[in-house]
Amino acid sequence: MSDVGVLVGGHLVWVVQLLMIAERTLGGLVHPGKIEEMDEELTRVIEDFDRAVNVEALRLVKKTSKQTLFSNRQ
């Protein structure tokens, strides 16, 4: 996972913990199944974001390597 994904993932853990505290404090007004569902959805979003960042990084490397190749020929 990229550094961005790890950073976002760290926030995910914090959000899940906060939701669990809220669930205990509110006496069950927040359903544990809903928290788990939100956790799974956030995990999917983070994974999708991580893949997008990786694709963009590869695109930039390809672009930079072409520029370097052409600048060395002159």
N, C-alpha and C. Protein backbone atom coordinates (compact mmCIF):
# COMPACT_ATOMS: atom_id res chain seq x y z
N MET A 1 0.86 -1.17 0.00
CA MET A 1 0.00 0.00 0.00
C MET A 1 0.90 1.23 0.00
N SER A 2 0.52 2.26 -0.70
CA SER A 2 1.31 3.48 -0.74
C SER A 2 1.25 4.20 0.59
N ASP A 3 2.14 5.21 0.74
CA ASP A 3 2.13 6.01 1.97
C ASP A 3 0.78 6.68 2.15
N VAL A 4 0.19 7.11 1.05
CA VAL A 4 -1.12 7.76 1.12
C VAL A 4 -2.15 6.78 1.67
N GLY A 5 -2.13 5.55 1.17
CA GLY A 5 -3.06 4.54 1.65
C GLY A 5 -2.87 4.25 3.12
N VAL A 6 -1.62 4.20 3.56
CA VAL A 6 -1.34 3.96 4.98
C VAL A 6 -1.87 5.11 5.81
N LEU A 7 -1.65 6.34 5.33
CA LEU A 7 -2.16 7.51 6.05
C LEU A 7 -3.67 7.47 6.15
N VAL A 8 -4.33 7.21 5.04
CA VAL A 8 -5.79 7.14 5.04
C VAL A 8 -6.24 5.96 5.89
N GLY A 9 -5.55 4.82 5.79
CA GLY A 9 -5.90 3.65 6.59
C GLY A 9 -5.79 3.93 8.08
N GLY A 10 -4.79 4.73 8.49
CA GLY A 10 -4.66 5.12 9.89
C GLY A 10 -5.87 5.90 10.36
N HIS A 11 -6.38 6.76 9.51
CA HIS A 11 -7.58 7.51 9.84
C HIS A 11 -8.79 6.59 9.90
N LEU A 12 -8.81 5.58 9.07
CA LEU A 12 -9.91 4.62 9.08
C LEU A 12 -10.00 3.94 10.44
N VAL A 13 -8.88 3.52 10.98
CA VAL A 13 -8.87 2.87 12.29
C VAL A 13 -9.42 3.82 13.33
N TRP A 14 -9.02 5.07 13.26
CA TRP A 14 -9.48 6.07 14.21
C TRP A 14 -10.99 6.25 14.11
N VAL A 15 -11.50 6.32 12.88
CA VAL A 15 -12.95 6.50 12.67
C VAL A 15 -13.72 5.32 13.22
N VAL A 16 -13.25 4.11 12.97
CA VAL A 16 -13.94 2.92 13.46
C VAL A 16 -13.93 2.90 14.99
N GLN A 17 -12.80 3.25 15.58
CA GLN A 17 -12.74 3.28 17.05
C GLN A 17 -13.70 4.33 17.61
N LEU A 18 -13.75 5.49 16.97
CA LEU A 18 -14.66 6.54 17.40
C LEU A 18 -16.11 6.08 17.31
N LEU A 19 -16.46 5.40 16.22
CA LEU A 19 -17.82 4.89 16.07
C LEU A 19 -18.15 3.85 17.14
N MET A 20 -17.17 3.01 17.49
CA MET A 20 -17.42 2.00 18.52
C MET A 20 -17.63 2.65 19.88
N ILE A 21 -16.85 3.70 20.16
CA ILE A 21 -17.03 4.43 21.42
C ILE A 21 -18.42 5.07 21.45
N ALA A 22 -18.82 5.67 20.33
CA ALA A 22 -20.14 6.30 20.26
C ALA A 22 -21.24 5.25 20.47
N GLU A 23 -21.04 4.09 19.89
CA GLU A 23 -22.05 3.02 20.03
C GLU A 23 -22.21 2.63 21.49
N ARG A 24 -21.09 2.49 22.21
CA ARG A 24 -21.16 2.11 23.62
C ARG A 24 -21.76 3.25 24.46
N THR A 25 -21.38 4.47 24.13
CA THR A 25 -21.85 5.64 24.90
C THR A 25 -23.34 5.87 24.71
N LEU A 26 -23.82 5.71 23.50
CA LEU A 26 -25.21 5.99 23.20
C LEU A 26 -26.13 4.82 23.54
N GLY A 27 -25.58 3.79 24.09
CA GLY A 27 -26.40 2.67 24.53
C GLY A 27 -27.02 1.88 23.39
N GLY A 28 -26.30 1.72 22.32
CA GLY A 28 -26.78 0.88 21.24
C GLY A 28 -27.57 1.59 20.17
N LEU A 29 -27.57 2.91 20.15
CA LEU A 29 -28.28 3.62 19.08
C LEU A 29 -27.58 3.42 17.73
N VAL A 30 -26.27 3.22 17.77
CA VAL A 30 -25.52 2.93 16.56
C VAL A 30 -25.37 1.41 16.49
N HIS A 31 -25.79 0.81 15.41
CA HIS A 31 -25.78 -0.65 15.29
C HIS A 31 -24.40 -1.16 14.89
N PRO A 32 -23.87 -2.16 15.62
CA PRO A 32 -22.55 -2.72 15.30
C PRO A 32 -22.46 -3.21 13.86
N GLY A 33 -23.54 -3.76 13.33
CA GLY A 33 -23.53 -4.23 11.94
C GLY A 33 -23.32 -3.08 10.98
N LYS A 34 -23.87 -1.93 11.29
CA LYS A 34 -23.70 -0.74 10.45
C LYS A 34 -22.25 -0.28 10.49
N ILE A 35 -21.64 -0.34 11.68
CA ILE A 35 -20.23 0.04 11.81
C ILE A 35 -19.36 -0.88 10.97
N GLU A 36 -19.63 -2.17 11.02
CA GLU A 36 -18.85 -3.13 10.23
C GLU A 36 -19.04 -2.87 8.74
N GLU A 37 -20.27 -2.58 8.34
CA GLU A 37 -20.56 -2.28 6.94
C GLU A 37 -19.80 -1.03 6.48
N MET A 38 -19.79 -0.01 7.33
CA MET A 38 -19.06 1.21 7.00
C MET A 38 -17.56 0.95 6.92
N ASP A 39 -17.05 0.11 7.82
CA ASP A 39 -15.64 -0.25 7.82
C ASP A 39 -15.26 -0.94 6.51
N GLU A 40 -16.09 -1.87 6.06
CA GLU A 40 -15.83 -2.58 4.80
C GLU A 40 -15.85 -1.61 3.62
N GLU A 41 -16.82 -0.71 3.61
CA GLU A 41 -16.93 0.26 2.51
C GLU A 41 -15.72 1.20 2.49
N LEU A 42 -15.31 1.67 3.66
CA LEU A 42 -14.14 2.53 3.73
C LEU A 42 -12.88 1.80 3.27
N THR A 43 -12.77 0.53 3.61
CA THR A 43 -11.63 -0.27 3.17
C THR A 43 -11.60 -0.36 1.65
N ARG A 44 -12.76 -0.59 1.03
CA ARG A 44 -12.83 -0.65 -0.44
C ARG A 44 -12.43 0.69 -1.07
N VAL A 45 -12.90 1.78 -0.48
CA VAL A 45 -12.56 3.10 -1.01
C VAL A 45 -11.06 3.34 -0.92
N ILE A 46 -10.46 2.98 0.20
CA ILE A 46 -9.02 3.15 0.37
C ILE A 46 -8.24 2.31 -0.64
N GLU A 47 -8.67 1.07 -0.85
CA GLU A 47 -7.99 0.21 -1.83
C GLU A 47 -8.11 0.78 -3.24
N ASP A 48 -9.30 1.28 -3.60
CA ASP A 48 -9.48 1.90 -4.92
C ASP A 48 -8.60 3.13 -5.07
N PHE A 49 -8.54 3.94 -4.03
CA PHE A 49 -7.71 5.14 -4.06
C PHE A 49 -6.24 4.77 -4.21
N ASP A 50 -5.81 3.75 -3.48
CA ASP A 50 -4.43 3.30 -3.55
C ASP A 50 -4.08 2.83 -4.96
N ARG A 51 -4.99 2.08 -5.59
CA ARG A 51 -4.74 1.64 -6.98
C ARG A 51 -4.65 2.84 -7.92
N ALA A 52 -5.51 3.83 -7.73
CA ALA A 52 -5.48 5.02 -8.59
C ALA A 52 -4.16 5.78 -8.42
N VAL A 53 -3.69 5.88 -7.20
CA VAL A 53 -2.41 6.56 -6.95
C VAL A 53 -1.28 5.79 -7.62
N ASN A 54 -1.30 4.47 -7.54
CA ASN A 54 -0.26 3.66 -8.17
C ASN A 54 -0.28 3.83 -9.69
N VAL A 55 -1.45 3.86 -10.29
CA VAL A 55 -1.57 4.04 -11.74
C VAL A 55 -1.02 5.40 -12.14
N GLU A 56 -1.35 6.43 -11.38
CA GLU A 56 -0.86 7.78 -11.68
C GLU A 56 0.66 7.84 -11.54
N ALA A 57 1.22 7.18 -10.54
CA ALA A 57 2.67 7.15 -10.36
C ALA A 57 3.34 6.48 -11.56
N LEU A 58 2.77 5.37 -12.03
CA LEU A 58 3.33 4.69 -13.20
C LEU A 58 3.26 5.58 -14.44
N ARG A 59 2.16 6.31 -14.60
CA ARG A 59 2.01 7.21 -15.74
C ARG A 59 3.08 8.31 -15.70
N LEU A 60 3.33 8.86 -14.52
CA LEU A 60 4.34 9.91 -14.39
C LEU A 60 5.75 9.38 -14.65
N VAL A 61 6.03 8.17 -14.20
CA VAL A 61 7.34 7.56 -14.45
C VAL A 61 7.53 7.36 -15.94
N LYS A 62 6.52 6.88 -16.61
CA LYS A 62 6.60 6.65 -18.05
C LYS A 62 6.85 7.98 -18.78
N LYS A 63 6.12 9.00 -18.41
CA LYS A 63 6.28 10.32 -19.04
C LYS A 63 7.68 10.87 -18.79
N THR A 64 8.15 10.77 -17.55
CA THR A 64 9.48 11.28 -17.19
C THR A 64 10.58 10.52 -17.91
N SER A 65 10.44 9.21 -18.02
CA SER A 65 11.48 8.42 -18.68
C SER A 65 11.55 8.75 -20.16
N LYS A 66 10.42 9.03 -20.80
CA LYS A 66 10.44 9.43 -22.21
C LYS A 66 11.13 10.78 -22.37
N GLN A 67 10.85 11.71 -21.47
CA GLN A 67 11.49 13.02 -21.55
C GLN A 67 13.00 12.89 -21.36
N THR A 68 13.42 12.06 -20.43
CA THR A 68 14.84 11.85 -20.18
C THR A 68 15.50 11.20 -21.38
N LEU A 69 14.85 10.23 -21.99
CA LEU A 69 15.38 9.55 -23.16
C LEU A 69 15.59 10.53 -24.32
N PHE A 70 14.60 11.36 -24.57
CA PHE A 70 14.70 12.31 -25.68
C PHE A 70 15.70 13.43 -25.38
N SER A 71 15.84 13.84 -24.13
CA SER A 71 16.80 14.90 -23.80
C SER A 71 18.22 14.41 -23.90
N ASN A 72 18.48 13.12 -23.70
CA ASN A 72 19.82 12.54 -23.80
C ASN A 72 20.26 12.40 -25.24
N ARG A 73 19.34 12.33 -26.18
CA ARG A 73 19.67 12.16 -27.59
C ARG A 73 20.13 13.47 -28.24
N GLN A 74 19.80 14.58 -27.66
CA GLN A 74 20.13 15.87 -28.28
C GLN A 74 21.50 16.33 -27.94
